[in-house]
Amino acid sequence: MTADPWRRVPSPPELVAGDIHVWRIRLDVPTGSDSSLSADERQRARRLRAAEKRHHFTAGRTALRSLLGAYTGCDPRALQFDYGPHGKPFLPGAPLQFNFSNSGNLALLAVCNDREVGVDIEARDRTIRVESLAAHILTAEETGAFRQRPASDHHAALLAAWTRKEAYVKALGAGFSLPLKSFSVAVPADDAPARLPMQGGTETPHPWQFVPLAPHPDYLASLAAAGSDWTHHCFDWQ
């Protein structure tokens, strides 16, 4: 699959129905003041002992507020987040749907206005216990496909499946209440998008589409959204 063209734009483009905007955010660049953060966010940053983690948190929340402020036409400092039963943030009274994920020096923000959306990013060199993680997150169907792959592919295939599952759970706002082993996204055989029938907490399966993202050679990521009538566009946050 060809790498996504991450475009730099002076401001967020208009968000129309059927579009999902994905923003790539560098967390290791100077952020300036943290004045757009809430008192609670500044307190959360101070609780992080490592300076690098404090900087990454501040950079991520600053970008999140700036972008959501631009989409909603609100002052980033005035944004008030509320949280679902399992901790997923949302903006009360706004139709905007969004999801944020970070790993190392990179973060991704997915934004749309007409469906549930989730995104997950992981470092390709993340240390994992392959057999243990596979047993924890893969269904019987996925395990069969996983075993058919060469052992040399197991680490990458498992991480790809993990990002799909995490993106789906994050889109639903289910947190740890939905075990990753309770649903199947298929173990990716390549980097192609996948359209799969998912339960999503209902009795009737409905389609979800999973699209791999290429934010950086050292990272892999997945975007998940309800339905298949959508297109994603990738942008660089400056």
C-alpha atoms as a PDB file:
ATOM      1  CA  MET A   1       0.000   0.000   0.000  1.00  0.00           C
ATOM      2  CA  THR A   2       1.287   3.460  -0.861  1.00  0.00           C
ATOM      3  CA  ALA A   3       2.030   5.771   2.029  1.00  0.00           C
ATOM      4  CA  ASP A   4      -0.654   8.298   2.830  1.00  0.00           C
ATOM      5  CA  PRO A   5       0.044  11.812   1.538  1.00  0.00           C
ATOM      6  CA  TRP A   6       0.169  13.852   4.736  1.00  0.00           C
ATOM      7  CA  ARG A   7      -0.629  17.379   3.581  1.00  0.00           C
ATOM      8  CA  ARG A   8       0.161  20.643   5.317  1.00  0.00           C
ATOM      9  CA  VAL A   9      -2.705  23.101   5.220  1.00  0.00           C
ATOM     10  CA  PRO A  10      -2.990  26.552   6.844  1.00  0.00           C
ATOM     11  CA  SER A  11      -6.194  25.604   8.665  1.00  0.00           C
ATOM     12  CA  PRO A  12      -8.494  22.587   8.889  1.00  0.00           C
ATOM     13  CA  PRO A  13     -10.518  22.170   5.678  1.00  0.00           C
ATOM     14  CA  GLU A  14     -14.286  22.038   5.760  1.00  0.00           C
ATOM     15  CA  LEU A  15     -15.480  18.786   7.258  1.00  0.00           C
ATOM     16  CA  VAL A  16     -18.297  17.440   5.094  1.00  0.00           C
ATOM     17  CA  ALA A  17     -20.428  14.312   5.474  1.00  0.00           C
ATOM     18  CA  GLY A  18     -18.519  11.180   4.557  1.00  0.00           C
ATOM     19  CA  ASP A  19     -15.108  12.713   5.306  1.00  0.00           C
ATOM     20  CA  ILE A  20     -12.769  11.757   8.124  1.00  0.00           C
ATOM     21  CA  HIS A  21      -9.769  13.998   8.757  1.00  0.00           C
ATOM     22  CA  VAL A  22      -6.700  12.400  10.317  1.00  0.00           C
ATOM     23  CA  TRP A  23      -4.048  14.697  11.755  1.00  0.00           C
ATOM     24  CA  ARG A  24      -0.457  13.633  12.362  1.00  0.00           C
ATOM     25  CA  ILE A  25       0.974  15.485  15.359  1.00  0.00           C
ATOM     26  CA  ARG A  26       4.639  15.667  16.356  1.00  0.00           C
ATOM     27  CA  LEU A  27       4.997  15.557  20.120  1.00  0.00           C
ATOM     28  CA  ASP A  28       8.735  16.283  20.277  1.00  0.00           C
ATOM     29  CA  VAL A  29       8.594  19.874  19.023  1.00  0.00           C
ATOM     30  CA  PRO A  30       8.415  23.085  21.097  1.00  0.00           C
ATOM     31  CA  THR A  31       4.850  23.936  22.110  1.00  0.00           C
ATOM     32  CA  GLY A  32       5.326  27.357  23.672  1.00  0.00           C
ATOM     33  CA  SER A  33       2.830  28.214  26.404  1.00  0.00           C
ATOM     34  CA  ASP A  34       0.433  25.706  27.920  1.00  0.00           C
ATOM     35  CA  SER A  35      -2.129  28.492  28.401  1.00  0.00           C
ATOM     36  CA  SER A  36      -4.768  26.754  26.275  1.00  0.00           C
ATOM     37  CA  LEU A  37      -4.840  23.792  28.664  1.00  0.00           C
ATOM     38  CA  SER A  38      -7.342  23.562  31.489  1.00  0.00           C
ATOM     39  CA  ALA A  39      -6.228  23.630  35.112  1.00  0.00           C
ATOM     40  CA  ASP A  40      -6.935  19.890  35.303  1.00  0.00           C
ATOM     41  CA  GLU A  41      -4.774  19.198  32.230  1.00  0.00           C
ATOM     42  CA  ARG A  42      -1.885  21.242  33.614  1.00  0.00           C
ATOM     43  CA  GLN A  43      -2.187  19.304  36.875  1.00  0.00           C
ATOM     44  CA  ARG A  44      -2.140  16.002  34.966  1.00  0.00           C
ATOM     45  CA  ALA A  45       1.017  17.135  33.157  1.00  0.00           C
ATOM     46  CA  ARG A  46       2.718  18.033  36.430  1.00  0.00           C
ATOM     47  CA  ARG A  47       1.988  14.563  37.794  1.00  0.00           C
ATOM     48  CA  LEU A  48       4.106  12.997  35.050  1.00  0.00           C
ATOM     49  CA  ARG A  49       7.599  12.597  36.491  1.00  0.00           C
ATOM     50  CA  ALA A  50       9.538  12.276  33.229  1.00  0.00           C
ATOM     51  CA  ALA A  51      10.096  15.611  31.468  1.00  0.00           C
ATOM     52  CA  GLU A  52       9.660  13.983  28.059  1.00  0.00           C
ATOM     53  CA  LYS A  53       6.279  12.554  28.991  1.00  0.00           C
ATOM     54  CA  ARG A  54       5.149  15.927  30.374  1.00  0.00           C
ATOM     55  CA  HIS A  55       6.178  17.591  27.125  1.00  0.00           C
ATOM     56  CA  HIS A  56       4.426  14.956  24.994  1.00  0.00           C
ATOM     57  CA  PHE A  57       1.224  15.296  27.028  1.00  0.00           C
ATOM     58  CA  THR A  58       1.267  19.099  26.784  1.00  0.00           C
ATOM     59  CA  ALA A  59       2.000  19.024  23.047  1.00  0.00           C
ATOM     60  CA  GLY A  60      -0.773  16.514  22.420  1.00  0.00           C
ATOM     61  CA  ARG A  61      -3.435  18.337  24.412  1.00  0.00           C
ATOM     62  CA  THR A  62      -2.426  21.699  22.920  1.00  0.00           C
ATOM     63  CA  ALA A  63      -2.798  20.319  19.375  1.00  0.00           C
ATOM     64  CA  LEU A  64      -6.081  18.600  20.293  1.00  0.00           C
ATOM     65  CA  ARG A  65      -7.563  21.818  21.652  1.00  0.00           C
ATOM     66  CA  SER A  66      -6.272  23.926  18.752  1.00  0.00           C
ATOM     67  CA  LEU A  67      -7.714  21.613  16.108  1.00  0.00           C
ATOM     68  CA  LEU A  68     -11.061  21.032  17.809  1.00  0.00           C
ATOM     69  CA  GLY A  69     -11.316  24.754  18.426  1.00  0.00           C
ATOM     70  CA  ALA A  70     -10.783  25.400  14.709  1.00  0.00           C
ATOM     71  CA  TYR A  71     -13.427  22.849  13.721  1.00  0.00           C
ATOM     72  CA  THR A  72     -16.013  24.154  16.181  1.00  0.00           C
ATOM     73  CA  GLY A  73     -15.170  27.841  15.881  1.00  0.00           C
ATOM     74  CA  CYS A  74     -14.504  28.028  19.629  1.00  0.00           C
ATOM     75  CA  ASP A  75     -11.599  29.412  21.604  1.00  0.00           C
ATOM     76  CA  PRO A  76      -9.416  26.351  22.381  1.00  0.00           C
ATOM     77  CA  ARG A  77      -9.179  27.507  26.001  1.00  0.00           C
ATOM     78  CA  ALA A  78     -12.984  27.507  26.321  1.00  0.00           C
ATOM     79  CA  LEU A  79     -13.509  23.906  25.215  1.00  0.00           C
ATOM     80  CA  GLN A  80     -15.100  21.783  27.916  1.00  0.00           C
ATOM     81  CA  PHE A  81     -14.702  18.020  27.601  1.00  0.00           C
ATOM     82  CA  ASP A  82     -17.061  15.489  29.052  1.00  0.00           C
ATOM     83  CA  TYR A  83     -16.347  11.771  29.320  1.00  0.00           C
ATOM     84  CA  GLY A  84     -18.322   8.645  28.529  1.00  0.00           C
ATOM     85  CA  PRO A  85     -18.783   5.770  30.986  1.00  0.00           C
ATOM     86  CA  HIS A  86     -15.414   4.278  30.009  1.00  0.00           C
ATOM     87  CA  GLY A  87     -13.472   7.525  29.722  1.00  0.00           C
ATOM     88  CA  LYS A  88     -13.885   8.480  26.057  1.00  0.00           C
ATOM     89  CA  PRO A  89     -13.847  12.300  25.780  1.00  0.00           C
ATOM     90  CA  PHE A  90     -16.466  14.234  23.816  1.00  0.00           C
ATOM     91  CA  LEU A  91     -17.643  17.810  23.418  1.00  0.00           C
ATOM     92  CA  PRO A  92     -21.141  18.198  24.902  1.00  0.00           C
ATOM     93  CA  GLY A  93     -23.615  19.659  22.435  1.00  0.00           C
ATOM     94  CA  ALA A  94     -21.260  19.403  19.447  1.00  0.00           C
ATOM     95  CA  PRO A  95     -21.851  16.939  16.568  1.00  0.00           C
ATOM     96  CA  LEU A  96     -18.092  16.488  16.172  1.00  0.00           C
ATOM     97  CA  GLN A  97     -16.746  12.971  16.711  1.00  0.00           C
ATOM     98  CA  PHE A  98     -13.035  12.604  17.436  1.00  0.00           C
ATOM     99  CA  ASN A  99     -10.452  10.169  18.735  1.00  0.00           C
ATOM    100  CA  PHE A 100      -6.819  10.660  19.780  1.00  0.00           C
ATOM    101  CA  SER A 101      -3.968   8.157  20.052  1.00  0.00           C
ATOM    102  CA  ASN A 102      -0.275   8.594  20.770  1.00  0.00           C
ATOM    103  CA  SER A 103       2.879   6.482  20.812  1.00  0.00           C
ATOM    104  CA  GLY A 104       6.413   7.725  21.310  1.00  0.00           C
ATOM    105  CA  ASN A 105       6.918  11.031  19.505  1.00  0.00           C
ATOM    106  CA  LEU A 106       3.790  10.838  17.354  1.00  0.00           C
ATOM    107  CA  ALA A 107       0.071  11.244  17.869  1.00  0.00           C
ATOM    108  CA  LEU A 108      -2.929  10.922  15.570  1.00  0.00           C
ATOM    109  CA  LEU A 109      -6.251  12.723  15.818  1.00  0.00           C
ATOM    110  CA  ALA A 110      -9.241  11.502  13.784  1.00  0.00           C
ATOM    111  CA  VAL A 111     -12.173  13.900  13.349  1.00  0.00           C
ATOM    112  CA  CYS A 112     -15.550  13.569  11.620  1.00  0.00           C
ATOM    113  CA  ASN A 113     -19.119  14.703  12.168  1.00  0.00           C
ATOM    114  CA  ASP A 114     -21.409  11.877  11.112  1.00  0.00           C
ATOM    115  CA  ARG A 115     -20.224   8.549  12.591  1.00  0.00           C
ATOM    116  CA  GLU A 116     -18.242   6.819  15.320  1.00  0.00           C
ATOM    117  CA  VAL A 117     -14.492   6.890  14.661  1.00  0.00           C
ATOM    118  CA  GLY A 118     -11.412   5.447  16.344  1.00  0.00           C
ATOM    119  CA  VAL A 119      -7.687   5.527  15.677  1.00  0.00           C
ATOM    120  CA  ASP A 120      -4.707   3.711  17.172  1.00  0.00           C
ATOM    121  CA  ILE A 121      -0.945   4.085  16.630  1.00  0.00           C
ATOM    122  CA  GLU A 122       1.861   1.797  17.804  1.00  0.00           C
ATOM    123  CA  ALA A 123       5.639   1.769  17.395  1.00  0.00           C
ATOM    124  CA  ARG A 124       6.717  -1.046  15.063  1.00  0.00           C
ATOM    125  CA  ASP A 125       9.565  -2.016  17.394  1.00  0.00           C
ATOM    126  CA  ARG A 126       7.312  -2.262  20.454  1.00  0.00           C
ATOM    127  CA  THR A 127       8.411  -5.173  22.611  1.00  0.00           C
ATOM    128  CA  ILE A 128       5.612  -7.696  22.968  1.00  0.00           C
ATOM    129  CA  ARG A 129       5.346 -11.329  24.013  1.00  0.00           C
ATOM    130  CA  VAL A 130       3.930 -12.560  20.743  1.00  0.00           C
ATOM    131  CA  GLU A 131       2.456 -15.877  21.900  1.00  0.00           C
ATOM    132  CA  SER A 132       1.020 -14.424  25.096  1.00  0.00           C
ATOM    133  CA  LEU A 133      -0.531 -11.414  23.343  1.00  0.00           C
ATOM    134  CA  ALA A 134      -1.918 -13.556  20.529  1.00  0.00           C
ATOM    135  CA  ALA A 135      -3.659 -15.800  23.075  1.00  0.00           C
ATOM    136  CA  HIS A 136      -5.050 -12.721  24.822  1.00  0.00           C
ATOM    137  CA  ILE A 137      -6.480 -10.800  21.845  1.00  0.00           C
ATOM    138  CA  LEU A 138      -7.066 -13.199  18.918  1.00  0.00           C
ATOM    139  CA  THR A 139     -10.250 -15.165  18.318  1.00  0.00           C
ATOM    140  CA  ALA A 140     -10.081 -18.794  17.172  1.00  0.00           C
ATOM    141  CA  GLU A 141     -10.609 -17.665  13.574  1.00  0.00           C
ATOM    142  CA  GLU A 142      -7.855 -15.073  13.822  1.00  0.00           C
ATOM    143  CA  THR A 143      -5.513 -17.519  15.532  1.00  0.00           C
ATOM    144  CA  GLY A 144      -5.880 -19.938  12.613  1.00  0.00           C
ATOM    145  CA  ALA A 145      -4.914 -17.245  10.106  1.00  0.00           C
ATOM    146  CA  PHE A 146      -2.097 -16.094  12.383  1.00  0.00           C
ATOM    147  CA  ARG A 147      -0.597 -19.596  12.596  1.00  0.00           C
ATOM    148  CA  GLN A 148      -0.543 -19.879   8.803  1.00  0.00           C
ATOM    149  CA  ARG A 149       1.780 -16.894   8.494  1.00  0.00           C
ATOM    150  CA  PRO A 150       5.574 -17.280   8.626  1.00  0.00           C
ATOM    151  CA  ALA A 151       6.960 -16.867  12.145  1.00  0.00           C
ATOM    152  CA  SER A 152       8.999 -13.916  10.897  1.00  0.00           C
ATOM    153  CA  ASP A 153       5.708 -12.068  10.195  1.00  0.00           C
ATOM    154  CA  HIS A 154       4.070 -12.768  13.543  1.00  0.00           C
ATOM    155  CA  HIS A 155       5.221  -9.615  15.345  1.00  0.00           C
ATOM    156  CA  ALA A 156       4.078  -7.240  12.582  1.00  0.00           C
ATOM    157  CA  ALA A 157       0.815  -9.113  11.898  1.00  0.00           C
ATOM    158  CA  LEU A 158      -0.105  -9.152  15.577  1.00  0.00           C
ATOM    159  CA  LEU A 159       0.601  -5.443  15.999  1.00  0.00           C
ATOM    160  CA  ALA A 160      -1.535  -4.689  12.934  1.00  0.00           C
ATOM    161  CA  ALA A 161      -4.425  -6.736  14.315  1.00  0.00           C
ATOM    162  CA  TRP A 162      -3.970  -5.047  17.687  1.00  0.00           C
ATOM    163  CA  THR A 163      -4.226  -1.545  16.198  1.00  0.00           C
ATOM    164  CA  ARG A 164      -7.424  -2.513  14.371  1.00  0.00           C
ATOM    165  CA  LYS A 165      -8.984  -3.890  17.536  1.00  0.00           C
ATOM    166  CA  GLU A 166      -7.899  -0.917  19.646  1.00  0.00           C
ATOM    167  CA  ALA A 167      -9.241   1.539  17.045  1.00  0.00           C
ATOM    168  CA  TYR A 168     -12.616  -0.243  17.046  1.00  0.00           C
ATOM    169  CA  VAL A 169     -12.893  -0.338  20.832  1.00  0.00           C
ATOM    170  CA  LYS A 170     -11.886   3.322  21.054  1.00  0.00           C
ATOM    171  CA  ALA A 171     -14.491   4.279  18.449  1.00  0.00           C
ATOM    172  CA  LEU A 172     -17.189   2.635  20.558  1.00  0.00           C
ATOM    173  CA  GLY A 173     -15.813   4.228  23.729  1.00  0.00           C
ATOM    174  CA  ALA A 174     -15.945   0.779  25.316  1.00  0.00           C
ATOM    175  CA  GLY A 175     -12.585   0.820  27.085  1.00  0.00           C
ATOM    176  CA  PHE A 176     -11.715  -2.412  28.875  1.00  0.00           C
ATOM    177  CA  SER A 177     -15.395  -3.419  29.011  1.00  0.00           C
ATOM    178  CA  LEU A 178     -15.074  -5.020  25.556  1.00  0.00           C
ATOM    179  CA  PRO A 179     -12.337  -7.693  25.576  1.00  0.00           C
ATOM    180  CA  LEU A 180     -10.250  -7.674  22.403  1.00  0.00           C
ATOM    181  CA  LYS A 181     -10.767 -11.418  22.086  1.00  0.00           C
ATOM    182  CA  SER A 182     -14.553 -11.034  21.947  1.00  0.00           C
ATOM    183  CA  PHE A 183     -14.656  -9.876  18.320  1.00  0.00           C
ATOM    184  CA  SER A 184     -12.736 -10.540  15.123  1.00  0.00           C
ATOM    185  CA  VAL A 185     -11.115  -8.032  12.778  1.00  0.00           C
ATOM    186  CA  ALA A 186      -9.113 -10.685  10.855  1.00  0.00           C
ATOM    187  CA  VAL A 187      -5.341 -10.900  10.974  1.00  0.00           C
ATOM    188  CA  PRO A 188      -4.168  -8.636   8.143  1.00  0.00           C
ATOM    189  CA  ALA A 189      -2.456 -10.505   5.328  1.00  0.00           C
ATOM    190  CA  ASP A 190      -1.368  -7.192   3.810  1.00  0.00           C
ATOM    191  CA  ASP A 191      -1.888  -3.455   4.260  1.00  0.00           C
ATOM    192  CA  ALA A 192      -5.209  -3.331   2.414  1.00  0.00           C
ATOM    193  CA  PRO A 193      -8.329  -1.756   3.920  1.00  0.00           C
ATOM    194  CA  ALA A 194     -10.816  -4.229   5.394  1.00  0.00           C
ATOM    195  CA  ARG A 195     -14.598  -4.037   5.571  1.00  0.00           C
ATOM    196  CA  LEU A 196     -15.961  -6.328   8.246  1.00  0.00           C
ATOM    197  CA  PRO A 197     -19.336  -7.000   9.872  1.00  0.00           C
ATOM    198  CA  MET A 198     -19.024  -6.115  13.538  1.00  0.00           C
ATOM    199  CA  GLN A 199     -21.442  -6.426  16.444  1.00  0.00           C
ATOM    200  CA  GLY A 200     -20.584  -3.090  18.029  1.00  0.00           C
ATOM    201  CA  GLY A 201     -22.671  -3.810  21.123  1.00  0.00           C
ATOM    202  CA  THR A 202     -25.815  -4.680  19.131  1.00  0.00           C
ATOM    203  CA  GLU A 203     -27.401  -7.970  18.138  1.00  0.00           C
ATOM    204  CA  THR A 204     -27.370  -7.113  14.432  1.00  0.00           C
ATOM    205  CA  PRO A 205     -23.943  -6.984  12.735  1.00  0.00           C
ATOM    206  CA  HIS A 206     -23.214  -3.766  10.913  1.00  0.00           C
ATOM    207  CA  PRO A 207     -20.298  -2.875   8.628  1.00  0.00           C
ATOM    208  CA  TRP A 208     -17.153  -1.221   9.823  1.00  0.00           C
ATOM    209  CA  GLN A 209     -14.183  -0.275   7.696  1.00  0.00           C
ATOM    210  CA  PHE A 210     -10.593  -0.531   8.902  1.00  0.00           C
ATOM    211  CA  VAL A 211      -7.935   1.424   7.017  1.00  0.00           C
ATOM    212  CA  PRO A 212      -4.194   1.144   7.706  1.00  0.00           C
ATOM    213  CA  LEU A 213      -2.345   4.438   8.063  1.00  0.00           C
ATOM    214  CA  ALA A 214       1.329   5.117   7.364  1.00  0.00           C
ATOM    215  CA  PRO A 215       2.270   8.028   9.637  1.00  0.00           C
ATOM    216  CA  HIS A 216       5.998   7.150   9.736  1.00  0.00           C
ATOM    217  CA  PRO A 217       8.223   4.177   8.817  1.00  0.00           C
ATOM    218  CA  ASP A 218       8.717   3.445  12.527  1.00  0.00           C
ATOM    219  CA  TYR A 219       4.993   3.365  13.339  1.00  0.00           C
ATOM    220  CA  LEU A 220       1.877   1.594  12.176  1.00  0.00           C
ATOM    221  CA  ALA A 221      -1.676   2.733  12.756  1.00  0.00           C
ATOM    222  CA  SER A 222      -5.280   1.886  11.982  1.00  0.00           C
ATOM    223  CA  LEU A 223      -8.375   3.982  11.449  1.00  0.00           C
ATOM    224  CA  ALA A 224     -11.795   2.467  12.151  1.00  0.00           C
ATOM    225  CA  ALA A 225     -15.195   3.949  11.429  1.00  0.00           C
ATOM    226  CA  ALA A 226     -18.770   2.778  11.144  1.00  0.00           C
ATOM    227  CA  GLY A 227     -20.077   2.150   7.643  1.00  0.00           C
ATOM    228  CA  SER A 228     -18.134   2.034   4.411  1.00  0.00           C
ATOM    229  CA  ASP A 229     -19.368   5.262   2.813  1.00  0.00           C
ATOM    230  CA  TRP A 230     -16.482   7.413   4.020  1.00  0.00           C
ATOM    231  CA  THR A 231     -13.115   8.681   2.836  1.00  0.00           C
ATOM    232  CA  HIS A 232     -10.151   9.673   4.986  1.00  0.00           C
ATOM    233  CA  HIS A 233      -7.814  12.601   4.369  1.00  0.00           C
ATOM    234  CA  CYS A 234      -4.432  12.924   6.095  1.00  0.00           C
ATOM    235  CA  PHE A 235      -2.987  16.226   7.314  1.00  0.00           C
ATOM    236  CA  ASP A 236       0.094  17.395   9.174  1.00  0.00           C
ATOM    237  CA  TRP A 237      -0.386  19.559  12.242  1.00  0.00           C
ATOM    238  CA  GLN A 238       2.116  22.424  12.192  1.00  0.00           C
END
